[in-house]
PDB file of N, CA and C in Angstrom:
ATOM      1  N   MET A   1      -9.291  -0.303  18.085  1.00  0.00           N
ATOM      2  CA  MET A   1      -9.546   0.492  16.847  1.00  0.00           C
ATOM      3  C   MET A   1     -10.323  -0.364  15.883  1.00  0.00           C
ATOM      4  N   ASN A   2     -11.350   0.276  15.236  1.00  0.00           N
ATOM      5  CA  ASN A   2     -12.076  -0.464  14.148  1.00  0.00           C
ATOM      6  C   ASN A   2     -11.279  -0.273  12.855  1.00  0.00           C
ATOM      7  N   LEU A   3     -11.759  -0.926  11.774  1.00  0.00           N
ATOM      8  CA  LEU A   3     -11.066  -0.899  10.532  1.00  0.00           C
ATOM      9  C   LEU A   3     -10.924   0.506   9.906  1.00  0.00           C
ATOM     10  N   LEU A   4     -11.992   1.291  10.071  1.00  0.00           N
ATOM     11  CA  LEU A   4     -11.891   2.701   9.537  1.00  0.00           C
ATOM     12  C   LEU A   4     -10.703   3.430  10.283  1.00  0.00           C
ATOM     13  N   GLU A   5     -10.629   3.288  11.541  1.00  0.00           N
ATOM     14  CA  GLU A   5      -9.594   3.918  12.324  1.00  0.00           C
ATOM     15  C   GLU A   5      -8.236   3.443  11.903  1.00  0.00           C
ATOM     16  N   LYS A   6      -8.091   2.081  11.695  1.00  0.00           N
ATOM     17  CA  LYS A   6      -6.852   1.490  11.321  1.00  0.00           C
ATOM     18  C   LYS A   6      -6.373   1.902   9.945  1.00  0.00           C
ATOM     19  N   ILE A   7      -7.303   1.909   8.976  1.00  0.00           N
ATOM     20  CA  ILE A   7      -6.923   2.259   7.595  1.00  0.00           C
ATOM     21  C   ILE A   7      -6.604   3.782   7.516  1.00  0.00           C
ATOM     22  N   THR A   8      -7.293   4.590   8.275  1.00  0.00           N
ATOM     23  CA  THR A   8      -7.038   6.017   8.361  1.00  0.00           C
ATOM     24  C   THR A   8      -5.698   6.226   8.927  1.00  0.00           C
ATOM     25  N   ASP A   9      -5.274   5.504  10.010  1.00  0.00           N
ATOM     26  CA  ASP A   9      -3.986   5.606  10.592  1.00  0.00           C
ATOM     27  C   ASP A   9      -2.935   5.185   9.582  1.00  0.00           C
ATOM     28  N   LEU A  10      -3.113   4.097   8.998  1.00  0.00           N
ATOM     29  CA  LEU A  10      -2.169   3.495   7.975  1.00  0.00           C
ATOM     30  C   LEU A  10      -1.949   4.524   6.857  1.00  0.00           C
ATOM     31  N   ASN A  11      -3.023   5.134   6.352  1.00  0.00           N
ATOM     32  CA  ASN A  11      -2.931   6.146   5.228  1.00  0.00           C
ATOM     33  C   ASN A  11      -2.167   7.393   5.725  1.00  0.00           C
ATOM     34  N   SER A  12      -2.420   7.744   6.955  1.00  0.00           N
ATOM     35  CA  SER A  12      -1.776   8.956   7.486  1.00  0.00           C
ATOM     36  C   SER A  12      -0.299   8.680   7.615  1.00  0.00           C
ATOM     37  N   LEU A  13       0.081   7.555   8.109  1.00  0.00           N
ATOM     38  CA  LEU A  13       1.568   7.233   8.188  1.00  0.00           C
ATOM     39  C   LEU A  13       2.181   7.259   6.807  1.00  0.00           C
ATOM     40  N   VAL A  14       1.514   6.683   5.783  1.00  0.00           N
ATOM     41  CA  VAL A  14       2.066   6.740   4.423  1.00  0.00           C
ATOM     42  C   VAL A  14       2.255   8.118   3.992  1.00  0.00           C
ATOM     43  N   LEU A  15       1.251   8.992   4.181  1.00  0.00           N
ATOM     44  CA  LEU A  15       1.325  10.377   3.777  1.00  0.00           C
ATOM     45  C   LEU A  15       2.348  11.141   4.521  1.00  0.00           C
ATOM     46  N   GLU A  16       2.720  10.738   5.720  1.00  0.00           N
ATOM     47  CA  GLU A  16       3.726  11.376   6.451  1.00  0.00           C
ATOM     48  C   GLU A  16       5.159  10.863   6.153  1.00  0.00           C
ATOM     49  N   GLY A  17       5.238  10.042   5.149  1.00  0.00           N
ATOM     50  CA  GLY A  17       6.567   9.477   4.786  1.00  0.00           C
ATOM     51  C   GLY A  17       7.008   8.309   5.649  1.00  0.00           C
ATOM     52  N   LYS A  18       6.039   7.669   6.395  1.00  0.00           N
ATOM     53  CA  LYS A  18       6.306   6.565   7.357  1.00  0.00           C
ATOM     54  C   LYS A  18       5.662   5.331   6.870  1.00  0.00           C
ATOM     55  N   ALA A  19       5.790   5.015   5.555  1.00  0.00           N
ATOM     56  CA  ALA A  19       5.121   3.818   5.007  1.00  0.00           C
ATOM     57  C   ALA A  19       5.689   2.552   5.609  1.00  0.00           C
ATOM     58  N   LEU A  20       6.937   2.514   5.858  1.00  0.00           N
ATOM     59  CA  LEU A  20       7.489   1.251   6.496  1.00  0.00           C
ATOM     60  C   LEU A  20       7.028   1.131   7.901  1.00  0.00           C
ATOM     61  N   ASP A  21       6.796   2.167   8.645  1.00  0.00           N
ATOM     62  CA  ASP A  21       6.268   2.081   9.994  1.00  0.00           C
ATOM     63  C   ASP A  21       4.817   1.557   9.949  1.00  0.00           C
ATOM     64  N   ALA A  22       4.036   2.004   8.939  1.00  0.00           N
ATOM     65  CA  ALA A  22       2.703   1.555   8.723  1.00  0.00           C
ATOM     66  C   ALA A  22       2.743   0.025   8.349  1.00  0.00           C
ATOM     67  N   PHE A  23       3.620  -0.382   7.488  1.00  0.00           N
ATOM     68  CA  PHE A  23       3.816  -1.742   7.091  1.00  0.00           C
ATOM     69  C   PHE A  23       4.085  -2.613   8.306  1.00  0.00           C
ATOM     70  N   ASP A  24       5.068  -2.223   9.127  1.00  0.00           N
ATOM     71  CA  ASP A  24       5.402  -2.986  10.362  1.00  0.00           C
ATOM     72  C   ASP A  24       4.240  -3.049  11.329  1.00  0.00           C
ATOM     73  N   LYS A  25       3.511  -2.045  11.397  1.00  0.00           N
ATOM     74  CA  LYS A  25       2.364  -2.014  12.379  1.00  0.00           C
ATOM     75  C   LYS A  25       1.188  -2.804  11.905  1.00  0.00           C
ATOM     76  N   TYR A  26       0.815  -2.802  10.604  1.00  0.00           N
ATOM     77  CA  TYR A  26      -0.499  -3.230  10.193  1.00  0.00           C
ATOM     78  C   TYR A  26      -0.473  -4.471   9.289  1.00  0.00           C
ATOM     79  N   TYR A  27       0.647  -4.991   8.969  1.00  0.00           N
ATOM     80  CA  TYR A  27       0.749  -6.169   8.036  1.00  0.00           C
ATOM     81  C   TYR A  27       1.043  -7.412   8.825  1.00  0.00           C
ATOM     82  N   ALA A  28       0.316  -8.490   8.534  1.00  0.00           N
ATOM     83  CA  ALA A  28       0.528  -9.804   9.206  1.00  0.00           C
ATOM     84  C   ALA A  28       1.895 -10.443   8.686  1.00  0.00           C
ATOM     85  N   ASP A  29       2.388 -11.360   9.491  1.00  0.00           N
ATOM     86  CA  ASP A  29       3.710 -12.022   9.162  1.00  0.00           C
ATOM     87  C   ASP A  29       3.569 -12.797   7.899  1.00  0.00           C
ATOM     88  N   ASN A  30       2.425 -13.358   7.595  1.00  0.00           N
ATOM     89  CA  ASN A  30       2.199 -14.191   6.492  1.00  0.00           C
ATOM     90  C   ASN A  30       1.415 -13.430   5.338  1.00  0.00           C
ATOM     91  N   CYS A  31       1.574 -12.088   5.312  1.00  0.00           N
ATOM     92  CA  CYS A  31       0.805 -11.267   4.345  1.00  0.00           C
ATOM     93  C   CYS A  31       1.204 -11.595   2.893  1.00  0.00           C
ATOM     94  N   VAL A  32       0.200 -11.439   2.025  1.00  0.00           N
ATOM     95  CA  VAL A  32       0.331 -11.628   0.609  1.00  0.00           C
ATOM     96  C   VAL A  32       0.058 -10.311  -0.077  1.00  0.00           C
ATOM     97  N   MET A  33       0.936  -9.841  -0.986  1.00  0.00           N
ATOM     98  CA  MET A  33       0.741  -8.616  -1.696  1.00  0.00           C
ATOM     99  C   MET A  33       0.884  -8.951  -3.187  1.00  0.00           C
ATOM    100  N   GLN A  34      -0.028  -8.293  -3.912  1.00  0.00           N
ATOM    101  CA  GLN A  34       0.006  -8.532  -5.437  1.00  0.00           C
ATOM    102  C   GLN A  34      -0.222  -7.218  -6.245  1.00  0.00           C
ATOM    103  N   GLU A  35       0.512  -7.043  -7.266  1.00  0.00           N
ATOM    104  CA  GLU A  35       0.377  -5.935  -8.191  1.00  0.00           C
ATOM    105  C   GLU A  35      -0.430  -6.354  -9.397  1.00  0.00           C
ATOM    106  N   ASN A  36      -1.615  -5.827  -9.602  1.00  0.00           N
ATOM    107  CA  ASN A  36      -2.409  -6.202 -10.679  1.00  0.00           C
ATOM    108  C   ASN A  36      -2.507  -7.801 -10.815  1.00  0.00           C
ATOM    109  N   ASN A  37      -2.114  -8.284 -12.020  1.00  0.00           N
ATOM    110  CA  ASN A  37      -2.152  -9.724 -12.180  1.00  0.00           C
ATOM    111  C   ASN A  37      -0.785 -10.411 -12.146  1.00  0.00           C
ATOM    112  N   SER A  38       0.186  -9.682 -11.612  1.00  0.00           N
ATOM    113  CA  SER A  38       1.458 -10.262 -11.346  1.00  0.00           C
ATOM    114  C   SER A  38       1.335 -11.395 -10.306  1.00  0.00           C
ATOM    115  N   ASP A  39       2.376 -12.224 -10.238  1.00  0.00           N
ATOM    116  CA  ASP A  39       2.424 -13.234  -9.241  1.00  0.00           C
ATOM    117  C   ASP A  39       2.436 -12.615  -7.847  1.00  0.00           C
ATOM    118  N   PRO A  40       1.723 -13.119  -6.860  1.00  0.00           N
ATOM    119  CA  PRO A  40       1.766 -12.581  -5.528  1.00  0.00           C
ATOM    120  C   PRO A  40       3.046 -12.718  -4.830  1.00  0.00           C
ATOM    121  N   THR A  41       3.412 -11.801  -3.953  1.00  0.00           N
ATOM    122  CA  THR A  41       4.603 -11.927  -3.080  1.00  0.00           C
ATOM    123  C   THR A  41       4.121 -12.289  -1.708  1.00  0.00           C
ATOM    124  N   ILE A  42       4.720 -13.462  -1.141  1.00  0.00           N
ATOM    125  CA  ILE A  42       4.177 -14.030   0.084  1.00  0.00           C
ATOM    126  C   ILE A  42       5.211 -13.857   1.243  1.00  0.00           C
ATOM    127  N   GLY A  43       4.730 -13.303   2.395  1.00  0.00           N
ATOM    128  CA  GLY A  43       5.546 -13.176   3.562  1.00  0.00           C
ATOM    129  C   GLY A  43       5.918 -11.732   3.774  1.00  0.00           C
ATOM    130  N   LYS A  44       5.857 -11.377   5.075  1.00  0.00           N
ATOM    131  CA  LYS A  44       6.099  -9.982   5.532  1.00  0.00           C
ATOM    132  C   LYS A  44       7.625  -9.524   5.188  1.00  0.00           C
ATOM    133  N   ALA A  45       8.542 -10.388   5.471  1.00  0.00           N
ATOM    134  CA  ALA A  45       9.884  -9.993   5.243  1.00  0.00           C
ATOM    135  C   ALA A  45      10.209  -9.711   3.763  1.00  0.00           C
ATOM    136  N   VAL A  46       9.678 -10.580   2.865  1.00  0.00           N
ATOM    137  CA  VAL A  46       9.914 -10.413   1.435  1.00  0.00           C
ATOM    138  C   VAL A  46       9.240  -9.202   0.962  1.00  0.00           C
ATOM    139  N   ASN A  47       7.953  -9.006   1.420  1.00  0.00           N
ATOM    140  CA  ASN A  47       7.211  -7.867   1.018  1.00  0.00           C
ATOM    141  C   ASN A  47       7.781  -6.525   1.528  1.00  0.00           C
ATOM    142  N   ARG A  48       8.368  -6.537   2.711  1.00  0.00           N
ATOM    143  CA  ARG A  48       9.038  -5.340   3.343  1.00  0.00           C
ATOM    144  C   ARG A  48      10.263  -5.003   2.362  1.00  0.00           C
ATOM    145  N   GLU A  49      11.030  -5.987   1.948  1.00  0.00           N
ATOM    146  CA  GLU A  49      12.110  -5.684   1.145  1.00  0.00           C
ATOM    147  C   GLU A  49      11.701  -5.138  -0.181  1.00  0.00           C
ATOM    148  N   ARG A  50      10.579  -5.654  -0.749  1.00  0.00           N
ATOM    149  CA  ARG A  50       9.989  -5.131  -2.009  1.00  0.00           C
ATOM    150  C   ARG A  50       9.560  -3.682  -1.819  1.00  0.00           C
ATOM    151  N   GLU A  51       9.010  -3.365  -0.677  1.00  0.00           N
ATOM    152  CA  GLU A  51       8.656  -1.937  -0.431  1.00  0.00           C
ATOM    153  C   GLU A  51       9.913  -1.032  -0.294  1.00  0.00           C
ATOM    154  N   ILE A  52      10.914  -1.500   0.353  1.00  0.00           N
ATOM    155  CA  ILE A  52      12.131  -0.742   0.526  1.00  0.00           C
ATOM    156  C   ILE A  52      12.732  -0.498  -0.922  1.00  0.00           C
ATOM    157  N   ASP A  53      12.792  -1.509  -1.734  1.00  0.00           N
ATOM    158  CA  ASP A  53      13.303  -1.380  -3.098  1.00  0.00           C
ATOM    159  C   ASP A  53      12.538  -0.328  -3.872  1.00  0.00           C
ATOM    160  N   PHE A  54      11.185  -0.325  -3.723  1.00  0.00           N
ATOM    161  CA  PHE A  54      10.324   0.607  -4.446  1.00  0.00           C
ATOM    162  C   PHE A  54      10.655   2.108  -3.950  1.00  0.00           C
ATOM    163  N   PHE A  55      10.662   2.285  -2.650  1.00  0.00           N
ATOM    164  CA  PHE A  55      10.946   3.648  -2.134  1.00  0.00           C
ATOM    165  C   PHE A  55      12.317   4.119  -2.490  1.00  0.00           C
ATOM    166  N   ASN A  56      13.271   3.255  -2.496  1.00  0.00           N
ATOM    167  CA  ASN A  56      14.608   3.579  -2.850  1.00  0.00           C
ATOM    168  C   ASN A  56      14.777   3.923  -4.325  1.00  0.00           C
ATOM    169  N   SER A  57      13.853   3.521  -5.137  1.00  0.00           N
ATOM    170  CA  SER A  57      13.856   3.759  -6.610  1.00  0.00           C
ATOM    171  C   SER A  57      13.146   5.051  -7.010  1.00  0.00           C
ATOM    172  N   ILE A  58      12.485   5.714  -6.028  1.00  0.00           N
ATOM    173  CA  ILE A  58      11.899   7.002  -6.367  1.00  0.00           C
ATOM    174  C   ILE A  58      12.879   8.092  -6.325  1.00  0.00           C
ATOM    175  N   THR A  59      13.088   8.799  -7.477  1.00  0.00           N
ATOM    176  CA  THR A  59      14.086   9.818  -7.579  1.00  0.00           C
ATOM    177  C   THR A  59      13.482  11.219  -7.304  1.00  0.00           C
ATOM    178  N   GLU A  60      12.212  11.332  -7.494  1.00  0.00           N
ATOM    179  CA  GLU A  60      11.482  12.619  -7.192  1.00  0.00           C
ATOM    180  C   GLU A  60      10.019  12.229  -6.779  1.00  0.00           C
ATOM    181  N   PHE A  61       9.672  12.735  -5.653  1.00  0.00           N
ATOM    182  CA  PHE A  61       8.258  12.584  -5.185  1.00  0.00           C
ATOM    183  C   PHE A  61       7.536  13.844  -5.176  1.00  0.00           C
ATOM    184  N   ARG A  62       6.450  13.936  -6.035  1.00  0.00           N
ATOM    185  CA  ARG A  62       5.761  15.206  -6.147  1.00  0.00           C
ATOM    186  C   ARG A  62       4.401  15.208  -5.373  1.00  0.00           C
ATOM    187  N   GLY A  63       3.974  14.007  -4.947  1.00  0.00           N
ATOM    188  CA  GLY A  63       2.784  14.000  -4.133  1.00  0.00           C
ATOM    189  C   GLY A  63       1.948  12.744  -4.221  1.00  0.00           C
ATOM    190  N   ALA A  64       1.096  12.600  -3.157  1.00  0.00           N
ATOM    191  CA  ALA A  64       0.146  11.529  -3.088  1.00  0.00           C
ATOM    192  C   ALA A  64      -1.018  12.001  -2.239  1.00  0.00           C
ATOM    193  N   HIS A  65      -2.160  11.507  -2.481  1.00  0.00           N
ATOM    194  CA  HIS A  65      -3.305  11.736  -1.625  1.00  0.00           C
ATOM    195  C   HIS A  65      -4.375  10.643  -1.807  1.00  0.00           C
ATOM    196  N   VAL A  66      -5.168  10.446  -0.755  1.00  0.00           N
ATOM    197  CA  VAL A  66      -6.214   9.528  -0.729  1.00  0.00           C
ATOM    198  C   VAL A  66      -7.424  10.227  -1.306  1.00  0.00           C
ATOM    199  N   LYS A  67      -8.050   9.533  -2.285  1.00  0.00           N
ATOM    200  CA  LYS A  67      -9.251  10.093  -2.892  1.00  0.00           C
ATOM    201  C   LYS A  67     -10.560   9.525  -2.289  1.00  0.00           C
ATOM    202  N   ASN A  68     -10.539   8.245  -1.939  1.00  0.00           N
ATOM    203  CA  ASN A  68     -11.696   7.573  -1.278  1.00  0.00           C
ATOM    204  C   ASN A  68     -11.245   6.413  -0.511  1.00  0.00           C
ATOM    205  N   VAL A  69     -12.089   6.080   0.534  1.00  0.00           N
ATOM    206  CA  VAL A  69     -11.800   4.955   1.330  1.00  0.00           C
ATOM    207  C   VAL A  69     -13.236   4.292   1.524  1.00  0.00           C
ATOM    208  N   ALA A  70     -13.211   2.940   1.468  1.00  0.00           N
ATOM    209  CA  ALA A  70     -14.399   2.095   1.795  1.00  0.00           C
ATOM    210  C   ALA A  70     -14.010   1.020   2.723  1.00  0.00           C
ATOM    211  N   VAL A  71     -15.006   0.743   3.686  1.00  0.00           N
ATOM    212  CA  VAL A  71     -14.677  -0.269   4.652  1.00  0.00           C
ATOM    213  C   VAL A  71     -15.852  -1.261   4.744  1.00  0.00           C
ATOM    214  N   GLY A  72     -15.520  -2.538   4.698  1.00  0.00           N
ATOM    215  CA  GLY A  72     -16.430  -3.592   4.903  1.00  0.00           C
ATOM    216  C   GLY A  72     -16.121  -4.425   6.185  1.00  0.00           C
ATOM    217  N   PRO A  73     -16.779  -5.527   6.414  1.00  0.00           N
ATOM    218  CA  PRO A  73     -16.524  -6.252   7.643  1.00  0.00           C
ATOM    219  C   PRO A  73     -15.027  -6.714   7.841  1.00  0.00           C
ATOM    220  N   ASN A  74     -14.387  -7.236   6.871  1.00  0.00           N
ATOM    221  CA  ASN A  74     -12.938  -7.577   6.966  1.00  0.00           C
ATOM    222  C   ASN A  74     -12.111  -7.105   5.766  1.00  0.00           C
ATOM    223  N   CYS A  75     -12.581  -5.973   5.229  1.00  0.00           N
ATOM    224  CA  CYS A  75     -12.011  -5.437   3.969  1.00  0.00           C
ATOM    225  C   CYS A  75     -11.988  -3.950   4.011  1.00  0.00           C
ATOM    226  N   THR A  76     -10.878  -3.349   3.494  1.00  0.00           N
ATOM    227  CA  THR A  76     -10.802  -1.915   3.271  1.00  0.00           C
ATOM    228  C   THR A  76     -10.332  -1.681   1.778  1.00  0.00           C
ATOM    229  N   ILE A  77     -10.794  -0.660   1.232  1.00  0.00           N
ATOM    230  CA  ILE A  77     -10.394  -0.273  -0.162  1.00  0.00           C
ATOM    231  C   ILE A  77     -10.024   1.183  -0.118  1.00  0.00           C
ATOM    232  N   VAL A  78      -8.867   1.464  -0.685  1.00  0.00           N
ATOM    233  CA  VAL A  78      -8.366   2.855  -0.758  1.00  0.00           C
ATOM    234  C   VAL A  78      -8.044   3.253  -2.152  1.00  0.00           C
ATOM    235  N   GLU A  79      -8.590   4.341  -2.590  1.00  0.00           N
ATOM    236  CA  GLU A  79      -8.220   4.913  -3.908  1.00  0.00           C
ATOM    237  C   GLU A  79      -7.162   6.029  -3.685  1.00  0.00           C
ATOM    238  N   TRP A  80      -5.974   5.789  -4.245  1.00  0.00           N
ATOM    239  CA  TRP A  80      -4.895   6.731  -4.138  1.00  0.00           C
ATOM    240  C   TRP A  80      -4.615   7.395  -5.426  1.00  0.00           C
ATOM    241  N   HIS A  81      -4.029   8.637  -5.304  1.00  0.00           N
ATOM    242  CA  HIS A  81      -3.401   9.235  -6.432  1.00  0.00           C
ATOM    243  C   HIS A  81      -1.928   9.435  -6.155  1.00  0.00           C
ATOM    244  N   PHE A  82      -1.068   9.037  -7.105  1.00  0.00           N
ATOM    245  CA  PHE A  82       0.383   9.217  -6.914  1.00  0.00           C
ATOM    246  C   PHE A  82       0.938  10.023  -8.042  1.00  0.00           C
ATOM    247  N   ASP A  83       2.025  10.738  -7.802  1.00  0.00           N
ATOM    248  CA  ASP A  83       2.874  11.493  -8.703  1.00  0.00           C
ATOM    249  C   ASP A  83       4.281  11.474  -8.284  1.00  0.00           C
ATOM    250  N   TYR A  84       5.121  10.765  -9.039  1.00  0.00           N
ATOM    251  CA  TYR A  84       6.533  10.637  -8.696  1.00  0.00           C
ATOM    252  C   TYR A  84       7.311  10.276  -9.998  1.00  0.00           C
ATOM    253  N   THR A  85       8.673  10.301  -9.860  1.00  0.00           N
ATOM    254  CA  THR A  85       9.559   9.782 -10.875  1.00  0.00           C
ATOM    255  C   THR A  85      10.287   8.631 -10.274  1.00  0.00           C
ATOM    256  N   HIS A  86      10.280   7.499 -11.055  1.00  0.00           N
ATOM    257  CA  HIS A  86      10.945   6.228 -10.635  1.00  0.00           C
ATOM    258  C   HIS A  86      12.178   6.069 -11.520  1.00  0.00           C
ATOM    259  N   LYS A  87      13.270   5.524 -10.979  1.00  0.00           N
ATOM    260  CA  LYS A  87      14.524   5.466 -11.744  1.00  0.00           C
ATOM    261  C   LYS A  87      14.387   4.542 -12.954  1.00  0.00           C
ATOM    262  N   ASP A  88      13.513   3.577 -12.894  1.00  0.00           N
ATOM    263  CA  ASP A  88      13.377   2.617 -13.960  1.00  0.00           C
ATOM    264  C   ASP A  88      12.113   2.928 -14.822  1.00  0.00           C
ATOM    265  N   TRP A  89      11.062   3.455 -14.284  1.00  0.00           N
ATOM    266  CA  TRP A  89       9.802   3.597 -14.997  1.00  0.00           C
ATOM    267  C   TRP A  89       9.566   5.012 -15.452  1.00  0.00           C
ATOM    268  N   GLY A  90      10.364   5.981 -15.074  1.00  0.00           N
ATOM    269  CA  GLY A  90      10.185   7.373 -15.449  1.00  0.00           C
ATOM    270  C   GLY A  90       9.092   8.013 -14.632  1.00  0.00           C
ATOM    271  N   ASP A  91       8.519   9.087 -15.144  1.00  0.00           N
ATOM    272  CA  ASP A  91       7.492   9.875 -14.542  1.00  0.00           C
ATOM    273  C   ASP A  91       6.134   8.980 -14.521  1.00  0.00           C
ATOM    274  N   ARG A  92       5.649   8.987 -13.324  1.00  0.00           N
ATOM    275  CA  ARG A  92       4.366   8.217 -13.093  1.00  0.00           C
ATOM    276  C   ARG A  92       3.388   9.137 -12.354  1.00  0.00           C
ATOM    277  N   LYS A  93       2.280   9.238 -12.945  1.00  0.00           N
ATOM    278  CA  LYS A  93       1.149  10.060 -12.353  1.00  0.00           C
ATOM    279  C   LYS A  93      -0.134   9.237 -12.663  1.00  0.00           C
ATOM    280  N   TYR A  94      -0.749   8.607 -11.619  1.00  0.00           N
ATOM    281  CA  TYR A  94      -1.775   7.718 -11.804  1.00  0.00           C
ATOM    282  C   TYR A  94      -2.673   7.471 -10.553  1.00  0.00           C
ATOM    283  N   ASP A  95      -3.749   6.916 -10.716  1.00  0.00           N
ATOM    284  CA  ASP A  95      -4.629   6.492  -9.648  1.00  0.00           C
ATOM    285  C   ASP A  95      -4.466   4.994  -9.463  1.00  0.00           C
ATOM    286  N   GLN A  96      -4.578   4.584  -8.202  1.00  0.00           N
ATOM    287  CA  GLN A  96      -4.416   3.178  -7.791  1.00  0.00           C
ATOM    288  C   GLN A  96      -5.505   2.794  -6.777  1.00  0.00           C
ATOM    289  N   ILE A  97      -6.030   1.577  -6.966  1.00  0.00           N
ATOM    290  CA  ILE A  97      -6.959   1.076  -5.938  1.00  0.00           C
ATOM    291  C   ILE A  97      -6.192   0.036  -5.191  1.00  0.00           C
ATOM    292  N   ALA A  98      -6.199   0.070  -3.813  1.00  0.00           N
ATOM    293  CA  ALA A  98      -5.585  -0.882  -2.937  1.00  0.00           C
ATOM    294  C   ALA A  98      -6.702  -1.620  -2.209  1.00  0.00           C
ATOM    295  N   VAL A  99      -6.843  -2.890  -2.219  1.00  0.00           N
ATOM    296  CA  VAL A  99      -7.812  -3.687  -1.565  1.00  0.00           C
ATOM    297  C   VAL A  99      -7.145  -4.522  -0.496  1.00  0.00           C
ATOM    298  N   GLN A 100      -7.522  -4.292   0.788  1.00  0.00           N
ATOM    299  CA  GLN A 100      -6.872  -4.991   1.865  1.00  0.00           C
ATOM    300  C   GLN A 100      -7.889  -5.979   2.493  1.00  0.00           C
ATOM    301  N   GLU A 101      -7.457  -7.125   2.739  1.00  0.00           N
ATOM    302  CA  GLU A 101      -8.276  -8.111   3.530  1.00  0.00           C
ATOM    303  C   GLU A 101      -7.563  -8.205   4.950  1.00  0.00           C
ATOM    304  N   TRP A 102      -8.354  -8.120   6.031  1.00  0.00           N
ATOM    305  CA  TRP A 102      -7.847  -8.011   7.368  1.00  0.00           C
ATOM    306  C   TRP A 102      -8.272  -9.292   8.167  1.00  0.00           C
ATOM    307  N   ARG A 103      -7.397  -9.663   9.088  1.00  0.00           N
ATOM    308  CA  ARG A 103      -7.714 -10.708  10.046  1.00  0.00           C
ATOM    309  C   ARG A 103      -6.941 -10.452  11.342  1.00  0.00           C
ATOM    310  N   ASP A 104      -7.606 -10.456  12.436  1.00  0.00           N
ATOM    311  CA  ASP A 104      -6.984 -10.186  13.785  1.00  0.00           C
ATOM    312  C   ASP A 104      -6.241  -8.901  13.813  1.00  0.00           C
ATOM    313  N   GLY A 105      -6.799  -7.852  13.113  1.00  0.00           N
ATOM    314  CA  GLY A 105      -6.266  -6.493  13.225  1.00  0.00           C
ATOM    315  C   GLY A 105      -5.126  -6.212  12.304  1.00  0.00           C
ATOM    316  N   LYS A 106      -4.803  -7.234  11.349  1.00  0.00           N
ATOM    317  CA  LYS A 106      -3.630  -7.088  10.472  1.00  0.00           C
ATOM    318  C   LYS A 106      -4.145  -7.370   9.054  1.00  0.00           C
ATOM    319  N   ILE A 107      -3.387  -6.784   8.125  1.00  0.00           N
ATOM    320  CA  ILE A 107      -3.653  -7.039   6.732  1.00  0.00           C
ATOM    321  C   ILE A 107      -3.040  -8.354   6.339  1.00  0.00           C
ATOM    322  N   ILE A 108      -3.810  -9.302   5.856  1.00  0.00           N
ATOM    323  CA  ILE A 108      -3.240 -10.646   5.405  1.00  0.00           C
ATOM    324  C   ILE A 108      -3.227 -10.686   3.925  1.00  0.00           C
ATOM    325  N   ASN A 109      -3.871  -9.798   3.176  1.00  0.00           N
ATOM    326  CA  ASN A 109      -3.806  -9.830   1.746  1.00  0.00           C
ATOM    327  C   ASN A 109      -4.067  -8.432   1.195  1.00  0.00           C
ATOM    328  N   GLU A 110      -3.263  -8.033   0.237  1.00  0.00           N
ATOM    329  CA  GLU A 110      -3.433  -6.700  -0.339  1.00  0.00           C
ATOM    330  C   GLU A 110      -3.169  -6.827  -1.849  1.00  0.00           C
ATOM    331  N   LYS A 111      -4.083  -6.263  -2.609  1.00  0.00           N
ATOM    332  CA  LYS A 111      -3.912  -6.284  -4.095  1.00  0.00           C
ATOM    333  C   LYS A 111      -4.087  -4.852  -4.638  1.00  0.00           C
ATOM    334  N   PHE A 112      -3.176  -4.512  -5.493  1.00  0.00           N
ATOM    335  CA  PHE A 112      -3.156  -3.206  -6.059  1.00  0.00           C
ATOM    336  C   PHE A 112      -3.610  -3.252  -7.564  1.00  0.00           C
ATOM    337  N   TYR A 113      -4.538  -2.334  -7.923  1.00  0.00           N
ATOM    338  CA  TYR A 113      -5.080  -2.232  -9.265  1.00  0.00           C
ATOM    339  C   TYR A 113      -4.750  -0.857  -9.881  1.00  0.00           C
ATOM    340  N   TYR A 114      -4.091  -0.847 -10.996  1.00  0.00           N
ATOM    341  CA  TYR A 114      -3.745   0.451 -11.684  1.00  0.00           C
ATOM    342  C   TYR A 114      -3.404   0.170 -13.123  1.00  0.00           C
ATOM    343  N   ALA A 115      -3.456   1.201 -13.943  1.00  0.00           N
ATOM    344  CA  ALA A 115      -3.144   1.095 -15.380  1.00  0.00           C
ATOM    345  C   ALA A 115      -1.665   1.121 -15.515  1.00  0.00           C
ATOM    346  N   ASN A 116      -1.047   0.335 -16.401  1.00  0.00           N
ATOM    347  CA  ASN A 116       0.347   0.325 -16.575  1.00  0.00           C
ATOM    348  C   ASN A 116       0.793   1.330 -17.652  1.00  0.00           C
TER     349      ASN A 116
END
């Protein structure tokens, strides 16, 4: 699979409610994830727990969709739209840019950009 096929599959899994399956399939063991300018989270196990905590904190999910995708030699960029209620943050309706760096078919670094 090329990167366009991989990111399309990853996005489809997320939209099907299988984000953790996508994470297990496409993220490297030493992956680094970062929200805006917050400190990065390093390692697949720690990032998986962070993802679980996030999904468990959603009290109402109203929708998500992919607005745009861009692919480079070792990079993918996805523009998302999300609409949900979070137990701590309240109602959230926003666009987010996710930038993924790939190596050996896995995401090694992902950074999310969005307004707070």
